Amino acid sequence: MPAPETVLSVRDLAVRFGRSGVRAVDGVSFDLGTERLGIVGESGSGKSTLGRAIMRLLPNAAHVEATTLDFDGKPLLTRPEREMRTLRGNRMALIMQDPRYSLNPVLSVGKQVAEAALLHAKIGKKDAYAKAAEMLARVRIADVERVMGLYPHQISGGMGQRVMIAMMLLAKPRLVVADEPTSALDVSVRGDVLNLLDDLVRENNSGLMLISHDIRMVAAFCQRILVMYKGRVVETLTKLDEAQHPYTRGLIASMPDPRNPVRRLQTLDRRAIDAMEART
């Protein structure tokens, strides 16, 4: 089977904040093809900062540097902000975790999705609304005309996340960064949203970065997993039983496993983790 085509190439990516020079991301390297890549770690491990650094969406206080940060073979760090604005939402898309905060509360669903078509498809208003309705139907929203007239507070979390996916994938982006896309959803709809995202990404031949703290969910969905700890990638896996690093094993043990229920979940052994890190 041929290797997936490279969409994103990252070498020695580091992110520092303020004058202290503390690195939130430290020397991260990976390639992303037309595949599903998971980025996992506890809160504060640097995974969301990594995703926003790639999208060039960090605040001015952040200093981003890398030996290589190439998208479709062209460098990202040297591109002017005006050019980045043409890439975001078009060739690169960011799906954020909670539609209650990432959708505009004063615009209807239909207007928000149509705006994405107006901005990136360069079509008229009537065609943009038609394209928005078509995309909302693609993400399996029933009664599209009614939903298009609703506001974000009037729809459920699962429906809001489908709207967000419709907006972000309408332009058929080459790279999709999904930052905790199921964390605000009920367990009953998480699988449906992930399957929907997978279908659209495959159809568009895109590369997907799925950022999450849920290592079991990511392992079931992604082809590869990067495990982050204190801003660094400590391990790369294709399946959970390959895990060697005590941090990765701790993450796995701290998540419930319906196949092997236990009375008490384990906590991370920080001493063992830091001892291993000191040796590397």
Protein backbone atom coordinates (compact mmCIF):
# COMPACT_ATOMS: atom_id res chain seq x y z
CA MET A 1 0.00 0.00 0.00
CA PRO A 2 1.54 3.38 -1.00
CA ALA A 3 2.41 5.92 1.70
CA PRO A 4 -0.17 8.71 2.09
CA GLU A 5 0.61 11.93 0.27
CA THR A 6 2.21 14.49 2.59
CA VAL A 7 -0.12 17.36 3.47
CA LEU A 8 1.79 18.84 6.41
CA SER A 9 5.44 18.53 7.37
CA VAL A 10 6.61 19.70 10.82
CA ARG A 11 10.18 19.66 12.15
CA ASP A 12 11.36 21.02 15.50
CA LEU A 13 8.28 23.16 16.10
CA ALA A 14 8.52 25.19 19.31
CA VAL A 15 6.19 27.75 20.86
CA ARG A 16 7.35 30.17 23.58
CA PHE A 17 5.20 32.68 25.47
CA GLY A 18 6.37 36.00 26.87
CA ARG A 19 9.82 37.01 28.04
CA SER A 20 10.30 33.97 30.27
CA GLY A 21 10.85 31.78 27.24
CA VAL A 22 8.81 28.91 28.70
CA ARG A 23 8.09 26.45 25.91
CA ALA A 24 4.48 25.32 25.63
CA VAL A 25 5.53 23.21 22.61
CA ASP A 26 9.07 21.93 22.46
CA GLY A 27 10.69 20.37 19.38
CA VAL A 28 7.67 18.60 17.86
CA SER A 29 8.24 16.82 14.53
CA PHE A 30 5.85 14.78 12.38
CA ASP A 31 4.43 14.39 8.88
CA LEU A 32 0.71 14.24 8.13
CA GLY A 33 -0.61 12.60 5.00
CA THR A 34 -4.15 12.02 3.81
CA GLU A 35 -4.85 10.14 7.01
CA ARG A 36 -6.23 10.45 10.54
CA LEU A 37 -3.59 11.49 13.08
CA GLY A 38 -4.42 11.73 16.78
CA ILE A 39 -2.72 14.17 19.17
CA VAL A 40 -3.34 13.13 22.79
CA GLY A 41 -2.27 14.28 26.23
CA GLU A 42 -3.64 15.72 29.44
CA SER A 43 -4.73 19.35 29.76
CA GLY A 44 -1.68 21.61 29.46
CA SER A 45 0.38 19.13 27.44
CA GLY A 46 0.56 21.53 24.48
CA LYS A 47 -1.71 19.73 22.03
CA SER A 48 -4.14 22.62 21.39
CA THR A 49 -1.24 25.09 21.22
CA LEU A 50 0.33 22.84 18.58
CA GLY A 51 -2.86 22.91 16.49
CA ARG A 52 -3.20 26.68 16.71
CA ALA A 53 0.49 27.20 15.93
CA ILE A 54 0.02 25.28 12.69
CA MET A 55 -3.03 27.42 11.85
CA ARG A 56 -1.08 30.59 12.83
CA LEU A 57 -3.83 31.51 15.30
CA LEU A 58 -1.79 32.09 18.47
CA PRO A 59 -1.72 35.53 20.16
CA ASN A 60 1.07 38.01 19.54
CA ALA A 61 2.74 37.01 22.81
CA ALA A 62 3.53 33.60 21.32
CA HIS A 63 6.81 33.10 19.50
CA VAL A 64 6.66 30.21 17.02
CA GLU A 65 9.75 28.76 15.39
CA ALA A 66 10.43 25.61 13.39
CA THR A 67 13.07 24.14 11.12
CA THR A 68 10.19 23.14 8.82
CA LEU A 69 6.50 23.98 8.87
CA ASP A 70 5.28 23.25 5.36
CA PHE A 71 1.71 22.91 4.12
CA ASP A 72 1.36 21.29 0.68
CA GLY A 73 5.11 21.73 0.22
CA LYS A 74 5.14 25.46 0.94
CA PRO A 75 6.32 27.16 4.19
CA LEU A 76 3.68 28.56 6.55
CA LEU A 77 5.76 30.64 8.97
CA THR A 78 6.92 33.13 6.36
CA ARG A 79 3.51 33.70 4.80
CA PRO A 80 1.96 37.12 5.45
CA GLU A 81 -1.24 37.23 7.52
CA ARG A 82 -3.23 38.32 4.48
CA GLU A 83 -2.28 35.10 2.70
CA MET A 84 -3.02 33.03 5.82
CA ARG A 85 -6.56 34.45 5.89
CA THR A 86 -7.11 33.07 2.39
CA LEU A 87 -5.93 29.64 3.55
CA ARG A 88 -7.94 29.40 6.78
CA GLY A 89 -11.46 28.13 6.19
CA ASN A 90 -10.52 27.32 2.62
CA ARG A 91 -7.46 25.05 2.40
CA MET A 92 -7.04 24.72 6.18
CA ALA A 93 -9.89 24.32 8.67
CA LEU A 94 -10.11 24.37 12.46
CA ILE A 95 -13.06 22.64 14.15
CA MET A 96 -13.30 23.86 17.74
CA GLN A 97 -14.65 21.91 20.65
CA ASP A 98 -17.81 23.66 21.82
CA PRO A 99 -20.27 25.10 19.27
CA ARG A 100 -21.90 27.17 22.05
CA TYR A 101 -18.80 29.37 22.07
CA SER A 102 -17.43 28.94 18.55
CA LEU A 103 -20.62 29.78 16.64
CA ASN A 104 -21.75 33.41 16.41
CA PRO A 105 -24.74 33.76 18.78
CA VAL A 106 -26.34 36.65 16.86
CA LEU A 107 -26.34 35.06 13.40
CA SER A 108 -28.68 32.31 12.25
CA VAL A 109 -27.28 28.90 11.35
CA GLY A 110 -28.06 29.38 7.67
CA LYS A 111 -26.36 32.78 7.51
CA GLN A 112 -23.20 31.48 9.20
CA VAL A 113 -22.79 28.51 6.88
CA ALA A 114 -23.68 30.62 3.83
CA GLU A 115 -21.00 33.15 4.85
CA ALA A 116 -18.39 30.41 4.49
CA ALA A 117 -19.61 29.75 0.94
CA LEU A 118 -19.68 33.47 0.11
CA LEU A 119 -16.15 33.97 1.38
CA HIS A 120 -14.43 30.92 -0.07
CA ALA A 121 -16.54 29.71 -3.01
CA LYS A 122 -16.83 33.21 -4.53
CA ILE A 123 -20.51 32.76 -5.43
CA GLY A 124 -23.63 34.88 -5.10
CA LYS A 125 -25.86 35.06 -2.04
CA LYS A 126 -28.61 32.83 -3.47
CA ASP A 127 -26.14 30.15 -4.51
CA ALA A 128 -24.36 30.43 -1.15
CA TYR A 129 -27.58 29.70 0.75
CA ALA A 130 -28.29 26.77 -1.57
CA LYS A 131 -24.79 25.42 -0.97
CA ALA A 132 -25.24 25.91 2.79
CA ALA A 133 -28.49 23.94 2.72
CA GLU A 134 -26.83 21.18 0.72
CA MET A 135 -23.93 20.96 3.16
CA LEU A 136 -26.20 20.89 6.20
CA ALA A 137 -28.08 18.01 4.63
CA ARG A 138 -24.73 16.28 4.06
CA VAL A 139 -24.01 16.40 7.79
CA ARG A 140 -27.35 14.64 8.37
CA ILE A 141 -29.39 17.52 9.74
CA ALA A 142 -33.09 16.89 9.28
CA ASP A 143 -35.51 19.69 8.29
CA VAL A 144 -32.69 21.83 6.92
CA GLU A 145 -34.85 24.86 6.06
CA ARG A 146 -36.11 25.13 9.63
CA VAL A 147 -32.66 24.67 11.18
CA MET A 148 -31.16 27.33 8.90
CA GLY A 149 -33.47 29.88 10.52
CA LEU A 150 -32.48 28.94 14.07
CA TYR A 151 -29.79 30.52 16.25
CA PRO A 152 -26.99 28.58 17.99
CA HIS A 153 -28.74 28.66 21.40
CA GLN A 154 -31.78 27.01 19.84
CA ILE A 155 -30.00 23.84 18.70
CA SER A 156 -28.48 20.93 20.61
CA GLY A 157 -24.75 20.42 21.15
CA GLY A 158 -24.65 17.55 18.68
CA MET A 159 -26.46 19.58 16.02
CA GLY A 160 -24.20 22.56 16.69
CA GLN A 161 -21.13 20.44 16.15
CA ARG A 162 -22.59 19.20 12.85
CA VAL A 163 -23.13 22.82 11.83
CA MET A 164 -19.51 23.60 12.71
CA ILE A 165 -18.31 20.63 10.63
CA ALA A 166 -20.49 21.78 7.71
CA MET A 167 -18.97 25.29 7.88
CA MET A 168 -15.40 24.09 8.10
CA LEU A 169 -15.59 21.39 5.43
CA LEU A 170 -17.76 23.26 2.94
CA ALA A 171 -14.68 24.44 1.02
CA LYS A 172 -13.18 20.91 1.01
CA PRO A 173 -10.01 21.85 2.94
CA ARG A 174 -6.77 19.97 2.50
CA LEU A 175 -5.98 20.05 6.23
CA VAL A 176 -8.52 19.69 9.06
CA VAL A 177 -7.51 20.33 12.69
CA ALA A 178 -10.27 19.08 15.00
CA ASP A 179 -9.66 20.29 18.57
CA GLU A 180 -11.69 18.17 21.01
CA PRO A 181 -14.64 18.02 18.58
CA THR A 182 -16.65 15.62 20.76
CA SER A 183 -15.85 16.85 24.29
CA ALA A 184 -19.07 18.88 24.60
CA LEU A 185 -21.25 16.06 23.24
CA ASP A 186 -23.20 13.27 24.86
CA VAL A 187 -21.61 9.84 24.55
CA SER A 188 -24.58 8.72 22.44
CA VAL A 189 -23.75 11.16 19.60
CA ARG A 190 -19.93 11.18 19.74
CA GLY A 191 -19.57 8.16 17.48
CA ASP A 192 -21.98 9.62 14.91
CA VAL A 193 -20.09 12.92 14.77
CA LEU A 194 -16.71 11.17 14.38
CA ASN A 195 -18.05 8.89 11.65
CA LEU A 196 -19.48 11.90 9.84
CA LEU A 197 -16.17 13.75 10.10
CA ASP A 198 -14.32 10.68 8.84
CA ASP A 199 -16.65 10.31 5.82
CA LEU A 200 -16.18 13.93 4.76
CA VAL A 201 -12.41 13.93 5.29
CA ARG A 202 -12.02 10.75 3.24
CA GLU A 203 -14.23 12.17 0.48
CA ASN A 204 -12.14 15.36 0.30
CA ASN A 205 -8.83 13.42 0.49
CA SER A 206 -7.81 15.58 3.45
CA GLY A 207 -5.37 15.15 6.30
CA LEU A 208 -7.03 15.18 9.74
CA MET A 209 -5.42 16.08 13.08
CA LEU A 210 -7.72 14.98 15.90
CA ILE A 211 -6.75 16.60 19.22
CA SER A 212 -8.14 14.96 22.35
CA HIS A 213 -7.41 13.89 25.92
CA ASP A 214 -9.35 10.63 25.33
CA ILE A 215 -6.66 8.22 24.20
CA ARG A 216 -9.02 5.25 23.83
CA MET A 217 -11.39 7.16 21.56
CA VAL A 218 -8.47 8.43 19.46
CA ALA A 219 -6.97 4.93 19.19
CA ALA A 220 -10.28 3.58 17.87
CA PHE A 221 -10.54 6.34 15.26
CA CYS A 222 -7.03 7.34 14.15
CA GLN A 223 -4.36 5.50 12.19
CA ARG A 224 -1.50 7.03 14.22
CA ILE A 225 -1.24 8.68 17.63
CA LEU A 226 1.26 11.25 18.91
CA VAL A 227 1.39 11.37 22.71
CA MET A 228 2.34 14.77 24.15
CA TYR A 229 3.71 15.51 27.62
CA LYS A 230 4.97 18.93 28.74
CA GLY A 231 5.01 20.17 25.15
CA ARG A 232 7.00 17.25 23.73
CA VAL A 233 6.02 14.16 21.77
CA VAL A 234 7.07 11.28 24.01
CA GLU A 235 5.72 8.42 21.91
CA THR A 236 4.19 7.61 18.52
CA LEU A 237 1.77 4.67 18.30
CA THR A 238 -0.40 2.85 15.80
CA LYS A 239 -2.22 0.91 18.54
CA LEU A 240 -2.42 1.13 22.32
CA ASP A 241 -0.71 -2.16 23.11
CA GLU A 242 2.51 -0.72 21.62
CA ALA A 243 2.76 1.82 24.47
CA GLN A 244 6.10 1.81 26.30
CA HIS A 245 6.36 5.23 27.92
CA PRO A 246 4.98 5.38 31.51
CA TYR A 247 3.03 8.54 30.65
CA THR A 248 1.21 6.82 27.77
CA ARG A 249 0.53 3.78 29.92
CA GLY A 250 -0.76 6.06 32.66
CA LEU A 251 -3.15 7.80 30.25
CA ILE A 252 -4.50 4.44 29.11
CA ALA A 253 -4.91 3.15 32.67
CA SER A 254 -6.69 6.33 33.78
CA MET A 255 -9.45 5.91 31.15
CA PRO A 256 -12.36 3.51 31.77
CA ASP A 257 -12.30 0.34 29.66
CA PRO A 258 -15.74 -1.33 29.40
CA ARG A 259 -14.06 -4.62 28.51
CA ASN A 260 -11.98 -4.63 31.71
CA PRO A 261 -13.87 -2.78 34.47
CA VAL A 262 -11.95 -1.95 37.64
CA ARG A 263 -13.07 -0.65 41.05
CA ARG A 264 -10.61 2.25 40.96
CA LEU A 265 -8.86 3.90 38.00
CA GLN A 266 -5.13 4.53 38.23
CA THR A 267 -3.51 7.97 38.41
CA LEU A 268 -0.36 9.10 36.64
CA ASP A 269 2.93 8.15 38.30
CA ARG A 270 4.73 11.49 37.87
CA ARG A 271 7.98 10.23 39.39
CA ALA A 272 8.32 7.40 36.88
CA ILE A 273 7.37 9.71 34.02
CA ASP A 274 9.86 12.42 34.96
CA ALA A 275 12.58 9.84 35.56
CA MET A 276 12.10 8.49 32.03
CA GLU A 277 12.08 12.02 30.62
CA ALA A 278 15.35 12.81 32.42
CA ARG A 279 16.99 9.85 30.68
CA THR A 280 15.93 10.97 27.18
